[in-house]
Amino acid sequence: ATTLVAEFRKHYRRCDGHLLRVLWRLAAPTFVPSGWIQLVYVAARVALPLAMRELLQVLEANPNRSVVQDGLRFAVTIFIAAVVAAFAQHRESHLATKSGIILRSALTSVIYEHALRLTSKGKAGLTTGEVTNLVATD
């Protein structure tokens, strides 16, 4: 958490206090690759029914003969698309979750540290319960 808070502060100074820009800079290293992997996942999921349709058309066009040579490439395409989709979905989910964890822990740590450094005058309008709610996890 200490490293994350230091990185948050570094970006906060660079971005002149714009919180959304700071959060974007913290999350971008995992969030952007997650988006590209999501694109691969969607492409693989779209390829599955298209390859299945082509395989069925080959089977319907040649009902009385062996279609191994004609249909094999579509069967392999279906297999590869399913495997790529499975790996891409897992990786995308991991990276998106990691982005969320980074954002949540950075904000919680910064709020908690700020609450600890408040002076008596700064705490005047806050109850202990309100400060606890700011840093509590639901």
N, C-alpha and C. Protein backbone atom coordinates (compact mmCIF):
# COMPACT_ATOMS: atom_id res chain seq x y z
N ALA A 1 0.83 -1.19 0.00
CA ALA A 1 0.00 0.00 0.00
C ALA A 1 0.87 1.25 0.00
N THR A 2 2.02 1.18 0.65
CA THR A 2 2.90 2.35 0.71
C THR A 2 3.39 2.73 -0.68
N THR A 3 3.76 1.76 -1.47
CA THR A 3 4.21 2.03 -2.84
C THR A 3 3.07 2.61 -3.67
N LEU A 4 1.89 2.07 -3.47
CA LEU A 4 0.73 2.54 -4.22
C LEU A 4 0.39 3.98 -3.85
N VAL A 5 0.48 4.32 -2.57
CA VAL A 5 0.21 5.69 -2.13
C VAL A 5 1.26 6.64 -2.69
N ALA A 6 2.52 6.21 -2.69
CA ALA A 6 3.58 7.05 -3.26
C ALA A 6 3.35 7.28 -4.75
N GLU A 7 2.94 6.25 -5.46
CA GLU A 7 2.64 6.40 -6.89
C GLU A 7 1.43 7.31 -7.10
N PHE A 8 0.42 7.17 -6.23
CA PHE A 8 -0.76 8.03 -6.31
C PHE A 8 -0.36 9.49 -6.14
N ARG A 9 0.47 9.75 -5.14
CA ARG A 9 0.90 11.14 -4.88
C ARG A 9 1.72 11.69 -6.05
N LYS A 10 2.59 10.86 -6.62
CA LYS A 10 3.40 11.29 -7.75
C LYS A 10 2.51 11.71 -8.91
N HIS A 11 1.52 10.87 -9.23
CA HIS A 11 0.60 11.20 -10.33
C HIS A 11 -0.30 12.38 -9.97
N TYR A 12 -0.64 12.51 -8.70
CA TYR A 12 -1.49 13.61 -8.25
C TYR A 12 -0.78 14.95 -8.46
N ARG A 13 0.51 14.99 -8.18
CA ARG A 13 1.27 16.21 -8.42
C ARG A 13 1.39 16.50 -9.91
N ARG A 14 1.63 15.48 -10.71
CA ARG A 14 1.76 15.67 -12.16
C ARG A 14 0.46 16.13 -12.81
N CYS A 15 -0.66 15.67 -12.29
CA CYS A 15 -1.96 15.96 -12.90
C CYS A 15 -2.66 17.16 -12.27
N ASP A 16 -1.94 17.94 -11.49
CA ASP A 16 -2.49 19.14 -10.86
C ASP A 16 -3.76 18.87 -10.08
N GLY A 17 -3.84 17.74 -9.41
CA GLY A 17 -4.97 17.44 -8.54
C GLY A 17 -6.21 16.92 -9.22
N HIS A 18 -6.15 16.56 -10.49
CA HIS A 18 -7.31 15.99 -11.19
C HIS A 18 -7.41 14.51 -10.83
N LEU A 19 -8.39 14.17 -10.01
CA LEU A 19 -8.50 12.82 -9.48
C LEU A 19 -8.72 11.78 -10.58
N LEU A 20 -9.58 12.08 -11.54
CA LEU A 20 -9.85 11.10 -12.61
C LEU A 20 -8.61 10.79 -13.43
N ARG A 21 -7.80 11.81 -13.69
CA ARG A 21 -6.56 11.58 -14.44
C ARG A 21 -5.60 10.71 -13.63
N VAL A 22 -5.53 10.96 -12.33
CA VAL A 22 -4.66 10.17 -11.46
C VAL A 22 -5.11 8.71 -11.46
N LEU A 23 -6.40 8.51 -11.30
CA LEU A 23 -6.94 7.14 -11.29
C LEU A 23 -6.70 6.45 -12.63
N TRP A 24 -6.85 7.19 -13.71
CA TRP A 24 -6.58 6.60 -15.03
C TRP A 24 -5.13 6.17 -15.15
N ARG A 25 -4.22 7.01 -14.69
CA ARG A 25 -2.79 6.66 -14.78
C ARG A 25 -2.44 5.46 -13.91
N LEU A 26 -3.14 5.29 -12.81
CA LEU A 26 -2.89 4.12 -11.96
C LEU A 26 -3.43 2.85 -12.60
N ALA A 27 -4.61 2.95 -13.21
CA ALA A 27 -5.27 1.76 -13.73
C ALA A 27 -4.89 1.42 -15.17
N ALA A 28 -4.42 2.38 -15.93
CA ALA A 28 -4.16 2.16 -17.36
C ALA A 28 -3.22 1.01 -17.67
N PRO A 29 -2.14 0.78 -16.89
CA PRO A 29 -1.25 -0.32 -17.23
C PRO A 29 -1.90 -1.70 -17.23
N THR A 30 -2.98 -1.86 -16.50
CA THR A 30 -3.69 -3.15 -16.53
C THR A 30 -5.02 -3.05 -17.27
N PHE A 31 -5.63 -1.88 -17.26
CA PHE A 31 -6.95 -1.72 -17.86
C PHE A 31 -6.91 -1.72 -19.39
N VAL A 32 -5.93 -1.06 -19.96
CA VAL A 32 -5.81 -0.99 -21.43
C VAL A 32 -5.53 -2.38 -22.03
N PRO A 33 -4.56 -3.14 -21.51
CA PRO A 33 -4.37 -4.50 -22.03
C PRO A 33 -5.63 -5.36 -21.86
N SER A 34 -6.35 -5.12 -20.78
CA SER A 34 -7.59 -5.86 -20.56
C SER A 34 -8.58 -5.59 -21.69
N GLY A 35 -8.65 -4.36 -22.14
CA GLY A 35 -9.54 -4.01 -23.26
C GLY A 35 -9.14 -4.69 -24.55
N TRP A 36 -7.84 -4.73 -24.83
CA TRP A 36 -7.38 -5.40 -26.05
C TRP A 36 -7.64 -6.90 -26.00
N ILE A 37 -7.46 -7.47 -24.83
CA ILE A 37 -7.72 -8.90 -24.68
C ILE A 37 -9.22 -9.18 -24.80
N GLN A 38 -10.04 -8.25 -24.33
CA GLN A 38 -11.49 -8.38 -24.49
C GLN A 38 -11.86 -8.39 -25.98
N LEU A 39 -11.16 -7.58 -26.77
CA LEU A 39 -11.39 -7.56 -28.21
C LEU A 39 -11.05 -8.92 -28.84
N VAL A 40 -9.96 -9.53 -28.40
CA VAL A 40 -9.59 -10.87 -28.89
C VAL A 40 -10.67 -11.88 -28.49
N TYR A 41 -11.15 -11.77 -27.27
CA TYR A 41 -12.21 -12.67 -26.79
C TYR A 41 -13.47 -12.54 -27.65
N VAL A 42 -13.87 -11.33 -27.93
CA VAL A 42 -15.09 -11.12 -28.73
C VAL A 42 -14.89 -11.67 -30.14
N ALA A 43 -13.72 -11.45 -30.72
CA ALA A 43 -13.45 -11.98 -32.07
C ALA A 43 -13.51 -13.51 -32.07
N ALA A 44 -12.97 -14.13 -31.06
CA ALA A 44 -13.00 -15.60 -30.98
C ALA A 44 -14.43 -16.09 -30.80
N ARG A 45 -15.20 -15.39 -29.99
CA ARG A 45 -16.60 -15.80 -29.78
C ARG A 45 -17.44 -15.60 -31.04
N VAL A 46 -17.13 -14.61 -31.85
CA VAL A 46 -17.84 -14.39 -33.11
C VAL A 46 -17.44 -15.46 -34.12
N ALA A 47 -16.19 -15.88 -34.09
CA ALA A 47 -15.70 -16.89 -35.04
C ALA A 47 -16.35 -18.25 -34.82
N LEU A 48 -16.73 -18.56 -33.59
CA LEU A 48 -17.32 -19.88 -33.29
C LEU A 48 -18.58 -20.17 -34.11
N PRO A 49 -19.61 -19.36 -34.05
CA PRO A 49 -20.81 -19.69 -34.84
C PRO A 49 -20.59 -19.60 -36.35
N LEU A 50 -19.69 -18.71 -36.76
CA LEU A 50 -19.40 -18.61 -38.20
C LEU A 50 -18.76 -19.90 -38.71
N ALA A 51 -17.79 -20.42 -37.96
CA ALA A 51 -17.14 -21.67 -38.35
C ALA A 51 -18.13 -22.84 -38.28
N MET A 52 -18.99 -22.81 -37.28
CA MET A 52 -20.00 -23.87 -37.15
C MET A 52 -20.96 -23.85 -38.34
N ARG A 53 -21.36 -22.66 -38.76
CA ARG A 53 -22.25 -22.55 -39.92
C ARG A 53 -21.58 -23.12 -41.17
N GLU A 54 -20.31 -22.78 -41.37
CA GLU A 54 -19.59 -23.29 -42.54
C GLU A 54 -19.46 -24.82 -42.49
N LEU A 55 -19.18 -25.35 -41.31
CA LEU A 55 -19.07 -26.80 -41.16
C LEU A 55 -20.41 -27.47 -41.48
N LEU A 56 -21.48 -26.91 -40.99
CA LEU A 56 -22.81 -27.49 -41.28
C LEU A 56 -23.16 -27.39 -42.76
N GLN A 57 -22.76 -26.32 -43.41
CA GLN A 57 -23.01 -26.19 -44.85
C GLN A 57 -22.23 -27.26 -45.63
N VAL A 58 -21.01 -27.53 -45.23
CA VAL A 58 -20.22 -28.57 -45.88
C VAL A 58 -20.89 -29.93 -45.68
N LEU A 59 -21.37 -30.19 -44.47
CA LEU A 59 -22.03 -31.47 -44.18
C LEU A 59 -23.34 -31.62 -44.95
N GLU A 60 -24.11 -30.55 -45.06
CA GLU A 60 -25.38 -30.61 -45.78
C GLU A 60 -25.18 -30.72 -47.29
N ALA A 61 -24.12 -30.12 -47.81
CA ALA A 61 -23.88 -30.15 -49.24
C ALA A 61 -23.40 -31.52 -49.71
N ASN A 62 -22.81 -32.30 -48.84
CA ASN A 62 -22.26 -33.61 -49.19
C ASN A 62 -22.78 -34.68 -48.24
N PRO A 63 -24.05 -35.04 -48.32
CA PRO A 63 -24.60 -35.98 -47.34
C PRO A 63 -24.11 -37.42 -47.50
N ASN A 64 -23.71 -37.84 -48.68
CA ASN A 64 -23.36 -39.25 -48.92
C ASN A 64 -21.88 -39.52 -49.06
N ARG A 65 -21.02 -38.57 -48.82
CA ARG A 65 -19.59 -38.82 -48.96
C ARG A 65 -18.84 -38.29 -47.75
N SER A 66 -17.62 -38.74 -47.61
CA SER A 66 -16.78 -38.33 -46.49
C SER A 66 -16.37 -36.87 -46.66
N VAL A 67 -16.53 -36.11 -45.63
CA VAL A 67 -16.22 -34.68 -45.70
C VAL A 67 -15.07 -34.31 -44.75
N VAL A 68 -14.22 -35.27 -44.46
CA VAL A 68 -13.13 -35.04 -43.51
C VAL A 68 -12.22 -33.92 -44.01
N GLN A 69 -11.83 -33.99 -45.27
CA GLN A 69 -10.92 -32.96 -45.78
C GLN A 69 -11.59 -31.59 -45.80
N ASP A 70 -12.83 -31.53 -46.24
CA ASP A 70 -13.52 -30.24 -46.32
C ASP A 70 -13.91 -29.70 -44.95
N GLY A 71 -14.33 -30.56 -44.06
CA GLY A 71 -14.84 -30.10 -42.77
C GLY A 71 -13.80 -30.00 -41.67
N LEU A 72 -12.63 -30.62 -41.88
CA LEU A 72 -11.62 -30.64 -40.84
C LEU A 72 -11.13 -29.24 -40.47
N ARG A 73 -10.94 -28.41 -41.47
CA ARG A 73 -10.44 -27.06 -41.17
C ARG A 73 -11.43 -26.26 -40.33
N PHE A 74 -12.73 -26.48 -40.56
CA PHE A 74 -13.73 -25.77 -39.76
C PHE A 74 -13.79 -26.33 -38.34
N ALA A 75 -13.63 -27.63 -38.20
CA ALA A 75 -13.61 -28.24 -36.87
C ALA A 75 -12.40 -27.76 -36.07
N VAL A 76 -11.25 -27.66 -36.73
CA VAL A 76 -10.05 -27.15 -36.06
C VAL A 76 -10.23 -25.68 -35.70
N THR A 77 -10.85 -24.92 -36.59
CA THR A 77 -11.12 -23.51 -36.31
C THR A 77 -12.02 -23.35 -35.09
N ILE A 78 -13.03 -24.19 -34.98
CA ILE A 78 -13.93 -24.16 -33.82
C ILE A 78 -13.15 -24.46 -32.54
N PHE A 79 -12.29 -25.46 -32.59
CA PHE A 79 -11.49 -25.81 -31.42
C PHE A 79 -10.56 -24.67 -31.02
N ILE A 80 -9.83 -24.13 -31.98
CA ILE A 80 -8.88 -23.05 -31.68
C ILE A 80 -9.61 -21.82 -31.17
N ALA A 81 -10.73 -21.47 -31.77
CA ALA A 81 -11.50 -20.30 -31.32
C ALA A 81 -12.00 -20.49 -29.90
N ALA A 82 -12.43 -21.69 -29.56
CA ALA A 82 -12.90 -21.96 -28.20
C ALA A 82 -11.77 -21.86 -27.19
N VAL A 83 -10.61 -22.38 -27.53
CA VAL A 83 -9.46 -22.31 -26.62
C VAL A 83 -9.00 -20.86 -26.45
N VAL A 84 -8.90 -20.13 -27.55
CA VAL A 84 -8.48 -18.72 -27.48
C VAL A 84 -9.49 -17.91 -26.65
N ALA A 85 -10.77 -18.16 -26.86
CA ALA A 85 -11.80 -17.45 -26.10
C ALA A 85 -11.69 -17.74 -24.61
N ALA A 86 -11.44 -18.97 -24.26
CA ALA A 86 -11.32 -19.34 -22.84
C ALA A 86 -10.12 -18.64 -22.19
N PHE A 87 -8.96 -18.69 -22.84
CA PHE A 87 -7.79 -18.04 -22.27
C PHE A 87 -7.95 -16.52 -22.23
N ALA A 88 -8.52 -15.94 -23.27
CA ALA A 88 -8.69 -14.49 -23.32
C ALA A 88 -9.68 -14.03 -22.25
N GLN A 89 -10.75 -14.77 -22.06
CA GLN A 89 -11.72 -14.39 -21.04
C GLN A 89 -11.10 -14.42 -19.65
N HIS A 90 -10.32 -15.45 -19.37
CA HIS A 90 -9.67 -15.56 -18.08
C HIS A 90 -8.68 -14.41 -17.86
N ARG A 91 -7.86 -14.14 -18.84
CA ARG A 91 -6.84 -13.09 -18.71
C ARG A 91 -7.50 -11.71 -18.58
N GLU A 92 -8.53 -11.46 -19.37
CA GLU A 92 -9.23 -10.18 -19.30
C GLU A 92 -9.85 -9.98 -17.94
N SER A 93 -10.47 -11.02 -17.43
CA SER A 93 -11.09 -10.94 -16.10
C SER A 93 -10.04 -10.66 -15.03
N HIS A 94 -8.90 -11.32 -15.13
CA HIS A 94 -7.81 -11.10 -14.17
C HIS A 94 -7.33 -9.66 -14.21
N LEU A 95 -7.07 -9.13 -15.40
CA LEU A 95 -6.55 -7.77 -15.52
C LEU A 95 -7.57 -6.73 -15.09
N ALA A 96 -8.84 -6.93 -15.43
CA ALA A 96 -9.88 -5.98 -15.02
C ALA A 96 -10.05 -5.98 -13.51
N THR A 97 -10.00 -7.15 -12.90
CA THR A 97 -10.09 -7.24 -11.45
C THR A 97 -8.88 -6.57 -10.79
N LYS A 98 -7.72 -6.78 -11.36
CA LYS A 98 -6.50 -6.17 -10.84
C LYS A 98 -6.60 -4.64 -10.91
N SER A 99 -7.15 -4.11 -11.98
CA SER A 99 -7.35 -2.67 -12.11
C SER A 99 -8.27 -2.15 -11.01
N GLY A 100 -9.35 -2.86 -10.77
CA GLY A 100 -10.28 -2.46 -9.72
C GLY A 100 -9.65 -2.49 -8.34
N ILE A 101 -8.85 -3.51 -8.09
CA ILE A 101 -8.18 -3.62 -6.79
C ILE A 101 -7.19 -2.47 -6.61
N ILE A 102 -6.47 -2.13 -7.66
CA ILE A 102 -5.52 -1.02 -7.59
C ILE A 102 -6.24 0.27 -7.26
N LEU A 103 -7.33 0.55 -7.96
CA LEU A 103 -8.07 1.79 -7.72
C LEU A 103 -8.65 1.84 -6.31
N ARG A 104 -9.26 0.76 -5.91
CA ARG A 104 -9.89 0.74 -4.59
C ARG A 104 -8.86 0.89 -3.47
N SER A 105 -7.75 0.15 -3.55
CA SER A 105 -6.77 0.25 -2.49
C SER A 105 -6.07 1.60 -2.47
N ALA A 106 -5.83 2.19 -3.63
CA ALA A 106 -5.20 3.51 -3.65
C ALA A 106 -6.11 4.55 -2.99
N LEU A 107 -7.37 4.54 -3.36
CA LEU A 107 -8.30 5.51 -2.77
C LEU A 107 -8.48 5.28 -1.28
N THR A 108 -8.64 4.03 -0.87
CA THR A 108 -8.82 3.74 0.55
C THR A 108 -7.59 4.16 1.35
N SER A 109 -6.41 3.87 0.85
CA SER A 109 -5.18 4.23 1.56
C SER A 109 -5.02 5.74 1.68
N VAL A 110 -5.29 6.46 0.59
CA VAL A 110 -5.15 7.91 0.61
C VAL A 110 -6.17 8.54 1.55
N ILE A 111 -7.40 8.08 1.50
CA ILE A 111 -8.43 8.62 2.40
C ILE A 111 -8.07 8.33 3.86
N TYR A 112 -7.62 7.12 4.13
CA TYR A 112 -7.25 6.74 5.50
C TYR A 112 -6.09 7.59 6.00
N GLU A 113 -5.05 7.75 5.19
CA GLU A 113 -3.92 8.58 5.60
C GLU A 113 -4.34 10.02 5.83
N HIS A 114 -5.19 10.52 4.97
CA HIS A 114 -5.67 11.91 5.12
C HIS A 114 -6.47 12.05 6.42
N ALA A 115 -7.30 11.07 6.73
CA ALA A 115 -8.10 11.12 7.96
C ALA A 115 -7.21 11.07 9.19
N LEU A 116 -6.10 10.33 9.12
CA LEU A 116 -5.19 10.26 10.26
C LEU A 116 -4.44 11.58 10.48
N ARG A 117 -4.22 12.33 9.42
CA ARG A 117 -3.47 13.58 9.52
C ARG A 117 -4.34 14.80 9.78
N LEU A 118 -5.64 14.61 9.92
CA LEU A 118 -6.51 15.76 10.18
C LEU A 118 -6.22 16.36 11.55
N THR A 119 -6.23 17.67 11.61
CA THR A 119 -6.06 18.34 12.90
C THR A 119 -7.39 18.33 13.64
N SER A 120 -7.37 18.78 14.87
CA SER A 120 -8.61 18.85 15.65
C SER A 120 -9.62 19.78 14.99
N LYS A 121 -9.13 20.86 14.41
CA LYS A 121 -10.00 21.80 13.71
C LYS A 121 -10.62 21.13 12.47
N GLY A 122 -9.82 20.31 11.79
CA GLY A 122 -10.32 19.61 10.61
C GLY A 122 -11.33 18.54 10.93
N LYS A 123 -11.24 17.96 12.14
CA LYS A 123 -12.17 16.92 12.56
C LYS A 123 -13.43 17.48 13.20
N ALA A 124 -13.52 18.77 13.32
CA ALA A 124 -14.62 19.40 14.06
C ALA A 124 -16.00 18.95 13.60
N GLY A 125 -16.21 18.82 12.32
CA GLY A 125 -17.54 18.45 11.83
C GLY A 125 -17.74 16.96 11.62
N LEU A 126 -16.73 16.16 11.91
CA LEU A 126 -16.81 14.73 11.65
C LEU A 126 -16.92 13.92 12.94
N THR A 127 -17.79 12.95 12.92
CA THR A 127 -17.85 12.01 14.04
C THR A 127 -16.89 10.86 13.75
N THR A 128 -16.58 10.08 14.76
CA THR A 128 -15.72 8.91 14.58
C THR A 128 -16.34 7.93 13.60
N GLY A 129 -17.64 7.79 13.63
CA GLY A 129 -18.34 6.90 12.71
C GLY A 129 -18.23 7.33 11.27
N GLU A 130 -18.26 8.63 11.02
CA GLU A 130 -18.13 9.13 9.64
C GLU A 130 -16.73 8.87 9.10
N VAL A 131 -15.73 9.07 9.94
CA VAL A 131 -14.35 8.80 9.50
C VAL A 131 -14.19 7.32 9.23
N THR A 132 -14.75 6.48 10.10
CA THR A 132 -14.67 5.03 9.91
C THR A 132 -15.37 4.62 8.62
N ASN A 133 -16.51 5.21 8.32
CA ASN A 133 -17.24 4.87 7.09
C ASN A 133 -16.45 5.26 5.85
N LEU A 134 -15.65 6.30 5.93
CA LEU A 134 -14.85 6.70 4.77
C LEU A 134 -13.83 5.64 4.37
N VAL A 135 -13.29 4.93 5.37
CA VAL A 135 -12.23 3.97 5.06
C VAL A 135 -12.69 2.51 5.19
N ALA A 136 -13.91 2.29 5.63
CA ALA A 136 -14.38 0.92 5.81
C ALA A 136 -14.66 0.27 4.47
N THR A 137 -14.50 -1.04 4.42
CA THR A 137 -14.83 -1.77 3.21
C THR A 137 -16.21 -2.40 3.39
N ASP A 138 -17.02 -2.28 2.38
CA ASP A 138 -18.39 -2.85 2.45
C ASP A 138 -18.41 -4.27 1.97
